[in-house]
Amino acid sequence: MTQDKMLQQSDSSASFTSNFSEDTPRKVFVFRHAERVDGTFHSELSHWTDRAFGEDGKYKPFDLNMPQMLPKRHGGPKHSSMIHPSLN
């Protein structure tokens, strides 16, 4: 499907002009930047999981940039120490 056909089918009123034909090869560049929790909150005295998991094993972010939720791991909070989530 061409971009023109996609625009005709969409509900938006955006206009698009293309300098490319359908035969022109295209490239997609994907950039990602994220900081790992362990790198940002590294401390000689404690690990990030010591601050993020309470005695009951429940995750509670201690910084606004931390993910609001973490996926549940089979090994519990200690297993999460080996997995380093990215900051939001």
PDB file of N, CA and C in Angstrom:
ATOM      1  N   MET A   1       0.855  -1.171   0.000  1.00  0.00           N
ATOM      2  CA  MET A   1       0.000   0.000   0.000  1.00  0.00           C
ATOM      3  C   MET A   1       0.905   1.239   0.000  1.00  0.00           C
ATOM      4  N   THR A   2       0.595   2.193  -0.844  1.00  0.00           N
ATOM      5  CA  THR A   2       1.394   3.409  -0.912  1.00  0.00           C
ATOM      6  C   THR A   2       0.995   4.365   0.205  1.00  0.00           C
ATOM      7  N   GLN A   3       1.870   5.319   0.463  1.00  0.00           N
ATOM      8  CA  GLN A   3       1.586   6.308   1.508  1.00  0.00           C
ATOM      9  C   GLN A   3       0.372   7.150   1.153  1.00  0.00           C
ATOM     10  N   ASP A   4       0.215   7.446  -0.133  1.00  0.00           N
ATOM     11  CA  ASP A   4      -0.944   8.234  -0.551  1.00  0.00           C
ATOM     12  C   ASP A   4      -2.246   7.496  -0.249  1.00  0.00           C
ATOM     13  N   LYS A   5      -2.271   6.187  -0.509  1.00  0.00           N
ATOM     14  CA  LYS A   5      -3.472   5.405  -0.223  1.00  0.00           C
ATOM     15  C   LYS A   5      -3.729   5.336   1.279  1.00  0.00           C
ATOM     16  N   MET A   6      -2.655   5.217   2.056  1.00  0.00           N
ATOM     17  CA  MET A   6      -2.820   5.174   3.509  1.00  0.00           C
ATOM     18  C   MET A   6      -3.394   6.485   4.019  1.00  0.00           C
ATOM     19  N   LEU A   7      -2.935   7.596   3.466  1.00  0.00           N
ATOM     20  CA  LEU A   7      -3.459   8.891   3.890  1.00  0.00           C
ATOM     21  C   LEU A   7      -4.919   9.054   3.496  1.00  0.00           C
ATOM     22  N   GLN A   8      -5.289   8.539   2.347  1.00  0.00           N
ATOM     23  CA  GLN A   8      -6.686   8.626   1.926  1.00  0.00           C
ATOM     24  C   GLN A   8      -7.590   7.831   2.855  1.00  0.00           C
ATOM     25  N   GLN A   9      -7.087   6.716   3.372  1.00  0.00           N
ATOM     26  CA  GLN A   9      -7.887   5.877   4.253  1.00  0.00           C
ATOM     27  C   GLN A   9      -7.914   6.389   5.685  1.00  0.00           C
ATOM     28  N   SER A  10      -6.958   7.220   6.042  1.00  0.00           N
ATOM     29  CA  SER A  10      -6.901   7.696   7.429  1.00  0.00           C
ATOM     30  C   SER A  10      -7.918   8.807   7.655  1.00  0.00           C
ATOM     31  N   ASP A  11      -8.199   9.060   8.909  1.00  0.00           N
ATOM     32  CA  ASP A  11      -9.158  10.104   9.267  1.00  0.00           C
ATOM     33  C   ASP A  11      -8.506  11.475   9.361  1.00  0.00           C
ATOM     34  N   SER A  12      -7.185  11.537   9.325  1.00  0.00           N
ATOM     35  CA  SER A  12      -6.498  12.815   9.503  1.00  0.00           C
ATOM     36  C   SER A  12      -6.569  13.637   8.220  1.00  0.00           C
ATOM     37  N   SER A  13      -6.343  14.917   8.377  1.00  0.00           N
ATOM     38  CA  SER A  13      -6.350  15.806   7.220  1.00  0.00           C
ATOM     39  C   SER A  13      -4.927  16.227   6.871  1.00  0.00           C
ATOM     40  N   ALA A  14      -3.948  15.446   7.297  1.00  0.00           N
ATOM     41  CA  ALA A  14      -2.553  15.774   7.020  1.00  0.00           C
ATOM     42  C   ALA A  14      -2.259  15.566   5.542  1.00  0.00           C
ATOM     43  N   SER A  15      -1.359  16.375   5.034  1.00  0.00           N
ATOM     44  CA  SER A  15      -0.954  16.193   3.648  1.00  0.00           C
ATOM     45  C   SER A  15       0.487  15.700   3.631  1.00  0.00           C
ATOM     46  N   PHE A  16       0.813  14.955   2.613  1.00  0.00           N
ATOM     47  CA  PHE A  16       2.142  14.369   2.521  1.00  0.00           C
ATOM     48  C   PHE A  16       2.581  14.412   1.075  1.00  0.00           C
ATOM     49  N   THR A  17       3.770  14.922   0.842  1.00  0.00           N
ATOM     50  CA  THR A  17       4.337  14.867  -0.493  1.00  0.00           C
ATOM     51  C   THR A  17       5.619  14.065  -0.406  1.00  0.00           C
ATOM     52  N   SER A  18       5.815  13.212  -1.362  1.00  0.00           N
ATOM     53  CA  SER A  18       6.967  12.324  -1.338  1.00  0.00           C
ATOM     54  C   SER A  18       7.825  12.561  -2.564  1.00  0.00           C
ATOM     55  N   ASN A  19       9.124  12.584  -2.359  1.00  0.00           N
ATOM     56  CA  ASN A  19      10.063  12.696  -3.464  1.00  0.00           C
ATOM     57  C   ASN A  19      10.561  11.318  -3.887  1.00  0.00           C
ATOM     58  N   PHE A  20      10.017  10.271  -3.292  1.00  0.00           N
ATOM     59  CA  PHE A  20      10.467   8.919  -3.558  1.00  0.00           C
ATOM     60  C   PHE A  20       9.430   8.172  -4.371  1.00  0.00           C
ATOM     61  N   SER A  21       9.911   7.336  -5.246  1.00  0.00           N
ATOM     62  CA  SER A  21       8.989   6.442  -5.944  1.00  0.00           C
ATOM     63  C   SER A  21       8.933   5.131  -5.166  1.00  0.00           C
ATOM     64  N   GLU A  22       7.995   4.286  -5.530  1.00  0.00           N
ATOM     65  CA  GLU A  22       7.865   3.004  -4.839  1.00  0.00           C
ATOM     66  C   GLU A  22       9.062   2.106  -5.107  1.00  0.00           C
ATOM     67  N   ASP A  23       9.827   2.389  -6.159  1.00  0.00           N
ATOM     68  CA  ASP A  23      10.985   1.567  -6.501  1.00  0.00           C
ATOM     69  C   ASP A  23      12.245   1.989  -5.750  1.00  0.00           C
ATOM     70  N   THR A  24      12.217   3.146  -5.115  1.00  0.00           N
ATOM     71  CA  THR A  24      13.387   3.639  -4.400  1.00  0.00           C
ATOM     72  C   THR A  24      13.544   2.887  -3.081  1.00  0.00           C
ATOM     73  N   PRO A  25      14.711   2.286  -2.855  1.00  0.00           N
ATOM     74  CA  PRO A  25      14.897   1.604  -1.566  1.00  0.00           C
ATOM     75  C   PRO A  25      14.917   2.613  -0.418  1.00  0.00           C
ATOM     76  N   ARG A  26      14.368   2.222   0.695  1.00  0.00           N
ATOM     77  CA  ARG A  26      14.308   3.106   1.859  1.00  0.00           C
ATOM     78  C   ARG A  26      15.048   2.474   3.012  1.00  0.00           C
ATOM     79  N   LYS A  27      15.492   3.299   3.901  1.00  0.00           N
ATOM     80  CA  LYS A  27      16.187   2.827   5.094  1.00  0.00           C
ATOM     81  C   LYS A  27      15.450   3.342   6.319  1.00  0.00           C
ATOM     82  N   VAL A  28      15.417   2.533   7.328  1.00  0.00           N
ATOM     83  CA  VAL A  28      14.807   2.929   8.595  1.00  0.00           C
ATOM     84  C   VAL A  28      15.911   2.954   9.636  1.00  0.00           C
ATOM     85  N   PHE A  29      16.035   4.057  10.331  1.00  0.00           N
ATOM     86  CA  PHE A  29      17.008   4.180  11.402  1.00  0.00           C
ATOM     87  C   PHE A  29      16.266   4.207  12.724  1.00  0.00           C
ATOM     88  N   VAL A  30      16.658   3.352  13.618  1.00  0.00           N
ATOM     89  CA  VAL A  30      16.031   3.291  14.933  1.00  0.00           C
ATOM     90  C   VAL A  30      17.089   3.676  15.956  1.00  0.00           C
ATOM     91  N   PHE A  31      16.779   4.687  16.748  1.00  0.00           N
ATOM     92  CA  PHE A  31      17.692   5.131  17.788  1.00  0.00           C
ATOM     93  C   PHE A  31      17.048   4.877  19.135  1.00  0.00           C
ATOM     94  N   ARG A  32      17.851   4.453  20.053  1.00  0.00           N
ATOM     95  CA  ARG A  32      17.333   4.195  21.392  1.00  0.00           C
ATOM     96  C   ARG A  32      18.350   4.708  22.392  1.00  0.00           C
ATOM     97  N   HIS A  33      17.851   5.369  23.392  1.00  0.00           N
ATOM     98  CA  HIS A  33      18.722   5.785  24.480  1.00  0.00           C
ATOM     99  C   HIS A  33      17.996   5.508  25.782  1.00  0.00           C
ATOM    100  N   ALA A  34      18.659   4.828  26.636  1.00  0.00           N
ATOM    101  CA  ALA A  34      18.080   4.548  27.947  1.00  0.00           C
ATOM    102  C   ALA A  34      19.219   4.365  28.938  1.00  0.00           C
ATOM    103  N   GLU A  35      18.955   4.736  30.141  1.00  0.00           N
ATOM    104  CA  GLU A  35      19.925   4.514  31.204  1.00  0.00           C
ATOM    105  C   GLU A  35      19.422   3.382  32.071  1.00  0.00           C
ATOM    106  N   ARG A  36      20.323   2.509  32.454  1.00  0.00           N
ATOM    107  CA  ARG A  36      19.936   1.394  33.300  1.00  0.00           C
ATOM    108  C   ARG A  36      19.823   1.857  34.744  1.00  0.00           C
ATOM    109  N   VAL A  37      18.899   1.253  35.458  1.00  0.00           N
ATOM    110  CA  VAL A  37      18.675   1.610  36.861  1.00  0.00           C
ATOM    111  C   VAL A  37      19.935   1.382  37.683  1.00  0.00           C
ATOM    112  N   ASP A  38      20.625   0.278  37.453  1.00  0.00           N
ATOM    113  CA  ASP A  38      21.807  -0.020  38.258  1.00  0.00           C
ATOM    114  C   ASP A  38      22.919   0.998  38.025  1.00  0.00           C
ATOM    115  N   GLY A  39      23.030   1.526  36.809  1.00  0.00           N
ATOM    116  CA  GLY A  39      24.060   2.519  36.537  1.00  0.00           C
ATOM    117  C   GLY A  39      23.751   3.877  37.141  1.00  0.00           C
ATOM    118  N   THR A  40      22.493   4.243  37.168  1.00  0.00           N
ATOM    119  CA  THR A  40      22.092   5.544  37.688  1.00  0.00           C
ATOM    120  C   THR A  40      22.069   5.577  39.207  1.00  0.00           C
ATOM    121  N   PHE A  41      21.602   4.509  39.817  1.00  0.00           N
ATOM    122  CA  PHE A  41      21.458   4.485  41.271  1.00  0.00           C
ATOM    123  C   PHE A  41      22.481   3.566  41.927  1.00  0.00           C
ATOM    124  N   HIS A  42      23.654   3.465  41.318  1.00  0.00           N
ATOM    125  CA  HIS A  42      24.714   2.625  41.869  1.00  0.00           C
ATOM    126  C   HIS A  42      25.258   3.256  43.148  1.00  0.00           C
ATOM    127  N   SER A  43      25.444   2.436  44.125  1.00  0.00           N
ATOM    128  CA  SER A  43      26.013   2.888  45.390  1.00  0.00           C
ATOM    129  C   SER A  43      26.934   1.801  45.913  1.00  0.00           C
ATOM    130  N   GLU A  44      28.014   2.207  46.541  1.00  0.00           N
ATOM    131  CA  GLU A  44      28.928   1.234  47.147  1.00  0.00           C
ATOM    132  C   GLU A  44      28.274   0.553  48.338  1.00  0.00           C
ATOM    133  N   LEU A  45      27.291   1.217  48.948  1.00  0.00           N
ATOM    134  CA  LEU A  45      26.684   0.698  50.173  1.00  0.00           C
ATOM    135  C   LEU A  45      25.458  -0.172  49.933  1.00  0.00           C
ATOM    136  N   SER A  46      24.745   0.052  48.836  1.00  0.00           N
ATOM    137  CA  SER A  46      23.529  -0.728  48.617  1.00  0.00           C
ATOM    138  C   SER A  46      23.269  -0.916  47.130  1.00  0.00           C
ATOM    139  N   HIS A  47      22.507  -1.926  46.827  1.00  0.00           N
ATOM    140  CA  HIS A  47      22.086  -2.222  45.460  1.00  0.00           C
ATOM    141  C   HIS A  47      20.722  -1.573  45.244  1.00  0.00           C
ATOM    142  N   TRP A  48      20.378  -1.258  44.000  1.00  0.00           N
ATOM    143  CA  TRP A  48      19.097  -0.593  43.739  1.00  0.00           C
ATOM    144  C   TRP A  48      17.928  -1.431  44.213  1.00  0.00           C
ATOM    145  N   THR A  49      18.046  -2.754  44.190  1.00  0.00           N
ATOM    146  CA  THR A  49      16.939  -3.601  44.636  1.00  0.00           C
ATOM    147  C   THR A  49      16.715  -3.499  46.138  1.00  0.00           C
ATOM    148  N   ASP A  50      17.772  -3.181  46.894  1.00  0.00           N
ATOM    149  CA  ASP A  50      17.603  -3.008  48.343  1.00  0.00           C
ATOM    150  C   ASP A  50      16.679  -1.838  48.648  1.00  0.00           C
ATOM    151  N   ARG A  51      16.727  -0.819  47.812  1.00  0.00           N
ATOM    152  CA  ARG A  51      15.884   0.360  48.016  1.00  0.00           C
ATOM    153  C   ARG A  51      14.512   0.211  47.374  1.00  0.00           C
ATOM    154  N   ALA A  52      14.427  -0.555  46.290  1.00  0.00           N
ATOM    155  CA  ALA A  52      13.186  -0.630  45.519  1.00  0.00           C
ATOM    156  C   ALA A  52      12.219  -1.705  46.007  1.00  0.00           C
ATOM    157  N   PHE A  53      12.715  -2.707  46.712  1.00  0.00           N
ATOM    158  CA  PHE A  53      11.852  -3.781  47.198  1.00  0.00           C
ATOM    159  C   PHE A  53      11.806  -3.741  48.715  1.00  0.00           C
ATOM    160  N   GLY A  54      10.591  -3.712  49.251  1.00  0.00           N
ATOM    161  CA  GLY A  54      10.414  -3.717  50.700  1.00  0.00           C
ATOM    162  C   GLY A  54      10.619  -5.114  51.270  1.00  0.00           C
ATOM    163  N   GLU A  55      10.507  -5.211  52.575  1.00  0.00           N
ATOM    164  CA  GLU A  55      10.667  -6.508  53.234  1.00  0.00           C
ATOM    165  C   GLU A  55       9.606  -7.502  52.779  1.00  0.00           C
ATOM    166  N   ASP A  56       8.461  -6.981  52.355  1.00  0.00           N
ATOM    167  CA  ASP A  56       7.388  -7.854  51.866  1.00  0.00           C
ATOM    168  C   ASP A  56       7.610  -8.305  50.420  1.00  0.00           C
ATOM    169  N   GLY A  57       8.686  -7.820  49.785  1.00  0.00           N
ATOM    170  CA  GLY A  57       9.002  -8.216  48.419  1.00  0.00           C
ATOM    171  C   GLY A  57       8.288  -7.424  47.350  1.00  0.00           C
ATOM    172  N   LYS A  58       7.533  -6.399  47.738  1.00  0.00           N
ATOM    173  CA  LYS A  58       6.801  -5.588  46.761  1.00  0.00           C
ATOM    174  C   LYS A  58       7.692  -4.460  46.245  1.00  0.00           C
ATOM    175  N   TYR A  59       7.610  -4.241  44.953  1.00  0.00           N
ATOM    176  CA  TYR A  59       8.388  -3.194  44.303  1.00  0.00           C
ATOM    177  C   TYR A  59       7.731  -1.843  44.514  1.00  0.00           C
ATOM    178  N   LYS A  60       8.538  -0.865  44.873  1.00  0.00           N
ATOM    179  CA  LYS A  60       8.068   0.511  44.997  1.00  0.00           C
ATOM    180  C   LYS A  60       9.184   1.419  44.483  1.00  0.00           C
ATOM    181  N   PRO A  61       8.930   2.122  43.366  1.00  0.00           N
ATOM    182  CA  PRO A  61       9.977   2.989  42.822  1.00  0.00           C
ATOM    183  C   PRO A  61      10.328   4.103  43.806  1.00  0.00           C
ATOM    184  N   PHE A  62      11.607   4.393  43.929  1.00  0.00           N
ATOM    185  CA  PHE A  62      12.050   5.436  44.851  1.00  0.00           C
ATOM    186  C   PHE A  62      12.484   6.700  44.117  1.00  0.00           C
ATOM    187  N   ASP A  63      12.268   6.735  42.800  1.00  0.00           N
ATOM    188  CA  ASP A  63      12.595   7.903  41.996  1.00  0.00           C
ATOM    189  C   ASP A  63      11.551   8.012  40.888  1.00  0.00           C
ATOM    190  N   LEU A  64      11.197   9.231  40.509  1.00  0.00           N
ATOM    191  CA  LEU A  64      10.166   9.427  39.482  1.00  0.00           C
ATOM    192  C   LEU A  64      10.562   8.866  38.122  1.00  0.00           C
ATOM    193  N   ASN A  65      11.847   8.708  37.868  1.00  0.00           N
ATOM    194  CA  ASN A  65      12.303   8.188  36.585  1.00  0.00           C
ATOM    195  C   ASN A  65      12.283   6.666  36.511  1.00  0.00           C
ATOM    196  N   MET A  66      12.034   6.016  37.611  1.00  0.00           N
ATOM    197  CA  MET A  66      12.011   4.554  37.619  1.00  0.00           C
ATOM    198  C   MET A  66      10.685   4.050  37.056  1.00  0.00           C
ATOM    199  N   PRO A  67      10.699   2.850  36.471  1.00  0.00           N
ATOM    200  CA  PRO A  67       9.439   2.292  35.961  1.00  0.00           C
ATOM    201  C   PRO A  67       8.414   2.160  37.080  1.00  0.00           C
ATOM    202  N   GLN A  68       7.155   2.423  36.763  1.00  0.00           N
ATOM    203  CA  GLN A  68       6.098   2.311  37.770  1.00  0.00           C
ATOM    204  C   GLN A  68       5.857   0.866  38.173  1.00  0.00           C
ATOM    205  N   MET A  69       6.076  -0.045  37.251  1.00  0.00           N
ATOM    206  CA  MET A  69       5.863  -1.465  37.523  1.00  0.00           C
ATOM    207  C   MET A  69       7.008  -2.261  36.912  1.00  0.00           C
ATOM    208  N   LEU A  70       7.310  -3.393  37.512  1.00  0.00           N
ATOM    209  CA  LEU A  70       8.269  -4.330  36.943  1.00  0.00           C
ATOM    210  C   LEU A  70       7.547  -5.643  36.683  1.00  0.00           C
ATOM    211  N   PRO A  71       7.966  -6.362  35.655  1.00  0.00           N
ATOM    212  CA  PRO A  71       7.349  -7.673  35.448  1.00  0.00           C
ATOM    213  C   PRO A  71       7.701  -8.602  36.606  1.00  0.00           C
ATOM    214  N   LYS A  72       6.775  -9.460  36.962  1.00  0.00           N
ATOM    215  CA  LYS A  72       7.034 -10.401  38.046  1.00  0.00           C
ATOM    216  C   LYS A  72       8.041 -11.433  37.562  1.00  0.00           C
ATOM    217  N   ARG A  73       9.043 -11.676  38.385  1.00  0.00           N
ATOM    218  CA  ARG A  73      10.087 -12.644  38.063  1.00  0.00           C
ATOM    219  C   ARG A  73       9.867 -13.909  38.873  1.00  0.00           C
ATOM    220  N   HIS A  74      10.185 -15.031  38.276  1.00  0.00           N
ATOM    221  CA  HIS A  74      10.000 -16.316  38.946  1.00  0.00           C
ATOM    222  C   HIS A  74      10.808 -16.382  40.245  1.00  0.00           C
ATOM    223  N   GLY A  75      11.988 -15.808  40.257  1.00  0.00           N
ATOM    224  CA  GLY A  75      12.849 -15.861  41.438  1.00  0.00           C
ATOM    225  C   GLY A  75      12.599 -14.756  42.445  1.00  0.00           C
ATOM    226  N   GLY A  76      11.618 -13.900  42.200  1.00  0.00           N
ATOM    227  CA  GLY A  76      11.311 -12.818  43.128  1.00  0.00           C
ATOM    228  C   GLY A  76      12.269 -11.648  42.998  1.00  0.00           C
ATOM    229  N   PRO A  77      12.285 -10.766  44.007  1.00  0.00           N
ATOM    230  CA  PRO A  77      13.097  -9.546  43.944  1.00  0.00           C
ATOM    231  C   PRO A  77      14.589  -9.798  43.757  1.00  0.00           C
ATOM    232  N   LYS A  78      15.108 -10.841  44.344  1.00  0.00           N
ATOM    233  CA  LYS A  78      16.550 -11.090  44.204  1.00  0.00           C
ATOM    234  C   LYS A  78      16.910 -11.439  42.765  1.00  0.00           C
ATOM    235  N   HIS A  79      15.989 -12.077  42.058  1.00  0.00           N
ATOM    236  CA  HIS A  79      16.233 -12.367  40.643  1.00  0.00           C
ATOM    237  C   HIS A  79      16.219 -11.068  39.837  1.00  0.00           C
ATOM    238  N   SER A  80      15.468 -10.073  40.277  1.00  0.00           N
ATOM    239  CA  SER A  80      15.418  -8.787  39.579  1.00  0.00           C
ATOM    240  C   SER A  80      16.752  -8.063  39.649  1.00  0.00           C
ATOM    241  N   SER A  81      17.584  -8.410  40.616  1.00  0.00           N
ATOM    242  CA  SER A  81      18.880  -7.741  40.719  1.00  0.00           C
ATOM    243  C   SER A  81      19.779  -8.095  39.546  1.00  0.00           C
ATOM    244  N   MET A  82      19.495  -9.205  38.878  1.00  0.00           N
ATOM    245  CA  MET A  82      20.286  -9.595  37.710  1.00  0.00           C
ATOM    246  C   MET A  82      19.732  -8.980  36.434  1.00  0.00           C
ATOM    247  N   ILE A  83      18.487  -8.510  36.474  1.00  0.00           N
ATOM    248  CA  ILE A  83      17.850  -7.867  35.330  1.00  0.00           C
ATOM    249  C   ILE A  83      17.848  -6.371  35.610  1.00  0.00           C
ATOM    250  N   HIS A  84      18.394  -5.599  34.693  1.00  0.00           N
ATOM    251  CA  HIS A  84      18.513  -4.161  34.926  1.00  0.00           C
ATOM    252  C   HIS A  84      17.526  -3.410  34.048  1.00  0.00           C
ATOM    253  N   PRO A  85      16.388  -2.979  34.595  1.00  0.00           N
ATOM    254  CA  PRO A  85      15.425  -2.243  33.778  1.00  0.00           C
ATOM    255  C   PRO A  85      15.956  -0.863  33.406  1.00  0.00           C
ATOM    256  N   SER A  86      15.367  -0.298  32.371  1.00  0.00           N
ATOM    257  CA  SER A  86      15.732   1.047  31.940  1.00  0.00           C
ATOM    258  C   SER A  86      14.862   2.065  32.648  1.00  0.00           C
ATOM    259  N   LEU A  87      15.410   3.258  32.798  1.00  0.00           N
ATOM    260  CA  LEU A  87      14.641   4.356  33.374  1.00  0.00           C
ATOM    261  C   LEU A  87      13.662   4.870  32.340  1.00  0.00           C
ATOM    262  N   ASN A  88      12.585   5.478  32.793  1.00  0.00           N
ATOM    263  CA  ASN A  88      11.591   6.052  31.879  1.00  0.00           C
ATOM    264  C   ASN A  88      12.134   7.298  31.240  1.00  0.00           C
TER     265      ASN A  88
END
